Amino acid sequence: MDITHFVEALRRDLGQAAEAGSDDIRAAADRLALALDPAIRLMLMDALSAAASEITNELQGTSVEVRLKGREPVFVVLGDAADHVGQRPQEAPGPPPPEPDDFDGDDEAVARITLRLPESLKTRAEDLANKRGQSLNTWLVNAVRAAATGANVNININTPFGPGAPGRNRSSNKRIQGWVR
């Protein structure tokens, strides 16, 4: 789904509102519109994600996900109704990870974080998520949830870490210590 025209429409509306002002106000409105582009896109993604969540809650045995492909959101329908809309993923999703019994978090509360990954690592993580029929966000949440509960996490995305690597805790095969570049 191309959201660029929505962003441009808002930028155009802001410019038209600034036309009543001086040249300085018009210039400030132009600069503000350009600076707001990422925030507008994020707000639109939040709205689309909320809509997908509401649709998923109304459908039995079907879920709707919003995934990013480049800078644009893409809707993916998983489950029973996917056959009817023609958007079933190429590979069937694997079984969902078991929900940990000792997870203390409130599933209703959502915290947002920023995770900066090298593009090649992000691409490999997206491929792994797609193989499971999950969005990258869902895949990352499940990986962090499993790691936080002490479950055995085995995610191999060909990172340079391994036995004997700097920062590797040799007493355990589950921990890597240090900073990521």
C-alpha atoms as a PDB file:
ATOM      1  CA  MET A   1       0.000   0.000   0.000  1.00  0.00           C
ATOM      2  CA  ASP A   2       1.516   3.260  -1.096  1.00  0.00           C
ATOM      3  CA  ILE A   3       1.107   5.831   1.690  1.00  0.00           C
ATOM      4  CA  THR A   4       3.203   8.491  -0.043  1.00  0.00           C
ATOM      5  CA  HIS A   5       0.144  10.272  -1.452  1.00  0.00           C
ATOM      6  CA  PHE A   6      -1.291  10.622   2.090  1.00  0.00           C
ATOM      7  CA  VAL A   7       1.969  12.157   3.314  1.00  0.00           C
ATOM      8  CA  GLU A   8       2.097  14.490   0.309  1.00  0.00           C
ATOM      9  CA  ALA A   9      -1.544  15.521   0.831  1.00  0.00           C
ATOM     10  CA  LEU A  10      -0.792  16.517   4.431  1.00  0.00           C
ATOM     11  CA  ARG A  11       2.306  18.416   3.287  1.00  0.00           C
ATOM     12  CA  ARG A  12       0.221  20.183   0.628  1.00  0.00           C
ATOM     13  CA  ASP A  13      -2.478  21.088   3.186  1.00  0.00           C
ATOM     14  CA  LEU A  14       0.139  22.507   5.545  1.00  0.00           C
ATOM     15  CA  GLY A  15       1.576  24.575   2.694  1.00  0.00           C
ATOM     16  CA  GLN A  16      -1.865  25.916   1.794  1.00  0.00           C
ATOM     17  CA  ALA A  17      -2.516  26.879   5.414  1.00  0.00           C
ATOM     18  CA  ALA A  18       0.802  28.759   5.490  1.00  0.00           C
ATOM     19  CA  GLU A  19      -0.057  30.726   2.315  1.00  0.00           C
ATOM     20  CA  ALA A  20      -1.884  33.289   4.455  1.00  0.00           C
ATOM     21  CA  GLY A  21       1.348  34.117   6.276  1.00  0.00           C
ATOM     22  CA  SER A  22       4.610  35.790   5.363  1.00  0.00           C
ATOM     23  CA  ASP A  23       7.460  34.300   3.332  1.00  0.00           C
ATOM     24  CA  ASP A  24       9.143  33.248   6.586  1.00  0.00           C
ATOM     25  CA  ILE A  25       6.031  31.363   7.686  1.00  0.00           C
ATOM     26  CA  ARG A  26       5.757  29.615   4.295  1.00  0.00           C
ATOM     27  CA  ALA A  27       9.443  28.629   4.443  1.00  0.00           C
ATOM     28  CA  ALA A  28       9.024  27.363   8.004  1.00  0.00           C
ATOM     29  CA  ALA A  29       5.959  25.348   6.965  1.00  0.00           C
ATOM     30  CA  ASP A  30       7.944  23.764   4.095  1.00  0.00           C
ATOM     31  CA  ARG A  31      10.784  22.810   6.441  1.00  0.00           C
ATOM     32  CA  LEU A  32       8.324  21.501   9.034  1.00  0.00           C
ATOM     33  CA  ALA A  33       6.501  19.394   6.441  1.00  0.00           C
ATOM     34  CA  LEU A  34       9.756  17.747   5.360  1.00  0.00           C
ATOM     35  CA  ALA A  35      10.822  17.123   8.952  1.00  0.00           C
ATOM     36  CA  LEU A  36       7.453  15.561   9.813  1.00  0.00           C
ATOM     37  CA  ASP A  37       7.597  12.965   7.014  1.00  0.00           C
ATOM     38  CA  PRO A  38       8.925  10.101   9.227  1.00  0.00           C
ATOM     39  CA  ALA A  39       6.489  10.929  12.042  1.00  0.00           C
ATOM     40  CA  ILE A  40       3.559  10.996   9.625  1.00  0.00           C
ATOM     41  CA  ARG A  41       4.559   7.626   8.167  1.00  0.00           C
ATOM     42  CA  LEU A  42       4.858   6.155  11.673  1.00  0.00           C
ATOM     43  CA  MET A  43       1.452   7.531  12.633  1.00  0.00           C
ATOM     44  CA  LEU A  44      -0.097   6.020   9.505  1.00  0.00           C
ATOM     45  CA  MET A  45       1.583   2.671  10.270  1.00  0.00           C
ATOM     46  CA  ASP A  46       0.172   2.804  13.807  1.00  0.00           C
ATOM     47  CA  ALA A  47      -3.304   3.464  12.403  1.00  0.00           C
ATOM     48  CA  LEU A  48      -2.977   0.611   9.894  1.00  0.00           C
ATOM     49  CA  SER A  49      -1.684  -1.737  12.610  1.00  0.00           C
ATOM     50  CA  ALA A  50      -4.600  -0.828  14.868  1.00  0.00           C
ATOM     51  CA  ALA A  51      -7.030  -1.438  11.999  1.00  0.00           C
ATOM     52  CA  ALA A  52      -5.420  -4.819  11.249  1.00  0.00           C
ATOM     53  CA  SER A  53      -5.667  -5.722  14.932  1.00  0.00           C
ATOM     54  CA  GLU A  54      -9.370  -4.833  15.039  1.00  0.00           C
ATOM     55  CA  ILE A  55     -10.033  -6.836  11.869  1.00  0.00           C
ATOM     56  CA  THR A  56      -8.139  -9.811  13.319  1.00  0.00           C
ATOM     57  CA  ASN A  57     -10.258  -9.646  16.492  1.00  0.00           C
ATOM     58  CA  GLU A  58     -13.432  -9.869  14.384  1.00  0.00           C
ATOM     59  CA  LEU A  59     -12.308 -12.807  12.213  1.00  0.00           C
ATOM     60  CA  GLN A  60     -12.363 -16.379  13.470  1.00  0.00           C
ATOM     61  CA  GLY A  61      -9.213 -18.362  12.663  1.00  0.00           C
ATOM     62  CA  THR A  62      -7.734 -15.578  10.547  1.00  0.00           C
ATOM     63  CA  SER A  63      -5.242 -12.863  11.287  1.00  0.00           C
ATOM     64  CA  VAL A  64      -4.308  -9.739   9.380  1.00  0.00           C
ATOM     65  CA  GLU A  65      -0.771  -8.423   9.703  1.00  0.00           C
ATOM     66  CA  VAL A  66       0.823  -5.225   8.488  1.00  0.00           C
ATOM     67  CA  ARG A  67       4.393  -5.725   7.317  1.00  0.00           C
ATOM     68  CA  LEU A  68       6.892  -3.238   5.980  1.00  0.00           C
ATOM     69  CA  LYS A  69       8.314  -3.811   2.526  1.00  0.00           C
ATOM     70  CA  GLY A  70      10.858  -1.071   2.106  1.00  0.00           C
ATOM     71  CA  ARG A  71       9.044   2.026   3.369  1.00  0.00           C
ATOM     72  CA  GLU A  72       5.553   0.868   2.461  1.00  0.00           C
ATOM     73  CA  PRO A  73       3.100  -1.223   4.505  1.00  0.00           C
ATOM     74  CA  VAL A  74       1.799  -4.496   3.070  1.00  0.00           C
ATOM     75  CA  PHE A  75      -1.227  -6.368   4.399  1.00  0.00           C
ATOM     76  CA  VAL A  76      -0.892 -10.134   4.839  1.00  0.00           C
ATOM     77  CA  VAL A  77      -3.871 -12.355   5.637  1.00  0.00           C
ATOM     78  CA  LEU A  78      -3.080 -15.602   7.461  1.00  0.00           C
ATOM     79  CA  GLY A  79      -5.460 -18.405   8.361  1.00  0.00           C
ATOM     80  CA  ASP A  80      -8.820 -19.643   7.101  1.00  0.00           C
ATOM     81  CA  ALA A  81      -9.918 -16.562   5.158  1.00  0.00           C
ATOM     82  CA  ALA A  82      -6.570 -16.185   3.381  1.00  0.00           C
ATOM     83  CA  ASP A  83      -7.731 -18.569   0.623  1.00  0.00           C
ATOM     84  CA  HIS A  84     -10.650 -16.279  -0.121  1.00  0.00           C
ATOM     85  CA  VAL A  85      -8.577 -13.138  -0.555  1.00  0.00           C
ATOM     86  CA  GLY A  86      -5.703 -14.797  -2.408  1.00  0.00           C
ATOM     87  CA  GLN A  87      -2.913 -13.630  -0.136  1.00  0.00           C
ATOM     88  CA  ARG A  88      -1.821 -16.828   1.561  1.00  0.00           C
ATOM     89  CA  PRO A  89       1.942 -16.777   2.198  1.00  0.00           C
ATOM     90  CA  GLN A  90       4.063 -19.015  -0.009  1.00  0.00           C
ATOM     91  CA  GLU A  91       5.113 -21.258   2.862  1.00  0.00           C
ATOM     92  CA  ALA A  92       2.825 -22.466   5.606  1.00  0.00           C
ATOM     93  CA  PRO A  93       3.737 -20.914   8.950  1.00  0.00           C
ATOM     94  CA  GLY A  94       5.431 -23.132  11.482  1.00  0.00           C
ATOM     95  CA  PRO A  95       3.807 -23.923  14.778  1.00  0.00           C
ATOM     96  CA  PRO A  96       3.615 -20.915  17.077  1.00  0.00           C
ATOM     97  CA  PRO A  97       6.099 -20.944  19.917  1.00  0.00           C
ATOM     98  CA  PRO A  98       4.659 -22.134  23.202  1.00  0.00           C
ATOM     99  CA  GLU A  99       3.530 -19.395  25.516  1.00  0.00           C
ATOM    100  CA  PRO A 100       5.812 -19.350  28.556  1.00  0.00           C
ATOM    101  CA  ASP A 101       4.052 -20.063  31.839  1.00  0.00           C
ATOM    102  CA  ASP A 102       6.306 -17.867  33.934  1.00  0.00           C
ATOM    103  CA  PHE A 103       6.032 -14.708  31.824  1.00  0.00           C
ATOM    104  CA  ASP A 104       5.199 -11.863  34.205  1.00  0.00           C
ATOM    105  CA  GLY A 105       4.493  -9.188  31.588  1.00  0.00           C
ATOM    106  CA  ASP A 106       1.123  -7.634  31.007  1.00  0.00           C
ATOM    107  CA  ASP A 107       0.243  -8.608  27.444  1.00  0.00           C
ATOM    108  CA  GLU A 108      -2.015  -5.570  27.129  1.00  0.00           C
ATOM    109  CA  ALA A 109       0.811  -3.063  27.690  1.00  0.00           C
ATOM    110  CA  VAL A 110       3.073  -2.466  24.700  1.00  0.00           C
ATOM    111  CA  ALA A 111       6.462  -0.780  24.895  1.00  0.00           C
ATOM    112  CA  ARG A 112       8.060   0.659  21.780  1.00  0.00           C
ATOM    113  CA  ILE A 113      11.787   0.444  21.214  1.00  0.00           C
ATOM    114  CA  THR A 114      14.128   1.334  18.399  1.00  0.00           C
ATOM    115  CA  LEU A 115      16.364  -1.435  17.155  1.00  0.00           C
ATOM    116  CA  ARG A 116      19.029  -0.550  14.636  1.00  0.00           C
ATOM    117  CA  LEU A 117      20.276  -3.514  12.615  1.00  0.00           C
ATOM    118  CA  PRO A 118      22.649  -3.713   9.675  1.00  0.00           C
ATOM    119  CA  GLU A 119      20.563  -4.017   6.494  1.00  0.00           C
ATOM    120  CA  SER A 120      21.925  -7.501   5.726  1.00  0.00           C
ATOM    121  CA  LEU A 121      20.985  -8.746   9.212  1.00  0.00           C
ATOM    122  CA  LYS A 122      17.511  -7.208   8.936  1.00  0.00           C
ATOM    123  CA  THR A 123      17.012  -8.934   5.576  1.00  0.00           C
ATOM    124  CA  ARG A 124      18.007 -12.317   7.010  1.00  0.00           C
ATOM    125  CA  ALA A 125      15.736 -11.819  10.031  1.00  0.00           C
ATOM    126  CA  GLU A 126      12.838 -10.875   7.713  1.00  0.00           C
ATOM    127  CA  ASP A 127      13.459 -14.039   5.668  1.00  0.00           C
ATOM    128  CA  LEU A 128      13.315 -16.166   8.822  1.00  0.00           C
ATOM    129  CA  ALA A 129      10.114 -14.431   9.916  1.00  0.00           C
ATOM    130  CA  ASN A 130       8.538 -14.945   6.487  1.00  0.00           C
ATOM    131  CA  LYS A 131       9.411 -18.654   6.578  1.00  0.00           C
ATOM    132  CA  ARG A 132       7.377 -18.882   9.788  1.00  0.00           C
ATOM    133  CA  GLY A 133       4.559 -16.803   8.328  1.00  0.00           C
ATOM    134  CA  GLN A 134       5.190 -14.000  10.825  1.00  0.00           C
ATOM    135  CA  SER A 135       5.900 -10.324  10.643  1.00  0.00           C
ATOM    136  CA  LEU A 136       9.408  -9.272  11.630  1.00  0.00           C
ATOM    137  CA  ASN A 137       8.013  -7.598  14.743  1.00  0.00           C
ATOM    138  CA  THR A 138       6.165 -10.767  15.826  1.00  0.00           C
ATOM    139  CA  TRP A 139       9.252 -12.868  15.192  1.00  0.00           C
ATOM    140  CA  LEU A 140      11.437 -10.499  17.257  1.00  0.00           C
ATOM    141  CA  VAL A 141       8.889 -10.384  20.109  1.00  0.00           C
ATOM    142  CA  ASN A 142       8.775 -14.195  20.206  1.00  0.00           C
ATOM    143  CA  ALA A 143      12.584 -14.429  20.181  1.00  0.00           C
ATOM    144  CA  VAL A 144      12.930 -11.894  23.010  1.00  0.00           C
ATOM    145  CA  ARG A 145      10.096 -13.527  24.987  1.00  0.00           C
ATOM    146  CA  ALA A 146      11.774 -16.941  24.695  1.00  0.00           C
ATOM    147  CA  ALA A 147      15.153 -15.495  25.684  1.00  0.00           C
ATOM    148  CA  ALA A 148      13.664 -13.579  28.628  1.00  0.00           C
ATOM    149  CA  THR A 149      11.987 -16.675  30.040  1.00  0.00           C
ATOM    150  CA  GLY A 150      15.087 -18.828  29.833  1.00  0.00           C
ATOM    151  CA  ALA A 151      13.718 -20.989  27.041  1.00  0.00           C
ATOM    152  CA  ASN A 152      16.270 -22.513  24.719  1.00  0.00           C
ATOM    153  CA  VAL A 153      16.678 -20.014  21.892  1.00  0.00           C
ATOM    154  CA  ASN A 154      18.469 -21.180  18.774  1.00  0.00           C
ATOM    155  CA  ILE A 155      18.472 -18.441  16.163  1.00  0.00           C
ATOM    156  CA  ASN A 156      21.231 -18.736  13.607  1.00  0.00           C
ATOM    157  CA  ILE A 157      21.444 -15.777  11.299  1.00  0.00           C
ATOM    158  CA  ASN A 158      25.098 -16.304  10.446  1.00  0.00           C
ATOM    159  CA  THR A 159      26.477 -13.772  12.889  1.00  0.00           C
ATOM    160  CA  PRO A 160      30.238 -13.796  13.497  1.00  0.00           C
ATOM    161  CA  PHE A 161      29.706 -14.944  17.091  1.00  0.00           C
ATOM    162  CA  GLY A 162      30.366 -18.512  18.089  1.00  0.00           C
ATOM    163  CA  PRO A 163      32.446 -20.608  20.453  1.00  0.00           C
ATOM    164  CA  GLY A 164      35.620 -18.743  21.274  1.00  0.00           C
ATOM    165  CA  ALA A 165      34.423 -15.434  19.799  1.00  0.00           C
ATOM    166  CA  PRO A 166      35.253 -12.291  21.772  1.00  0.00           C
ATOM    167  CA  GLY A 167      32.621 -11.630  24.407  1.00  0.00           C
ATOM    168  CA  ARG A 168      31.472 -15.254  24.421  1.00  0.00           C
ATOM    169  CA  ASN A 169      30.769 -16.730  27.850  1.00  0.00           C
ATOM    170  CA  ARG A 170      32.525 -20.087  27.593  1.00  0.00           C
ATOM    171  CA  SER A 171      30.696 -21.559  30.605  1.00  0.00           C
ATOM    172  CA  SER A 172      27.354 -21.459  28.797  1.00  0.00           C
ATOM    173  CA  ASN A 173      26.206 -21.839  25.227  1.00  0.00           C
ATOM    174  CA  LYS A 174      23.300 -19.430  25.770  1.00  0.00           C
ATOM    175  CA  ARG A 175      24.989 -16.093  26.458  1.00  0.00           C
ATOM    176  CA  ILE A 176      26.861 -13.525  24.454  1.00  0.00           C
ATOM    177  CA  GLN A 177      28.260 -10.572  26.365  1.00  0.00           C
ATOM    178  CA  GLY A 178      29.521  -7.283  25.009  1.00  0.00           C
ATOM    179  CA  TRP A 179      28.521  -4.546  22.619  1.00  0.00           C
ATOM    180  CA  VAL A 180      27.231  -4.970  19.099  1.00  0.00           C
ATOM    181  CA  ARG A 181      28.706  -2.856  16.361  1.00  0.00           C
END
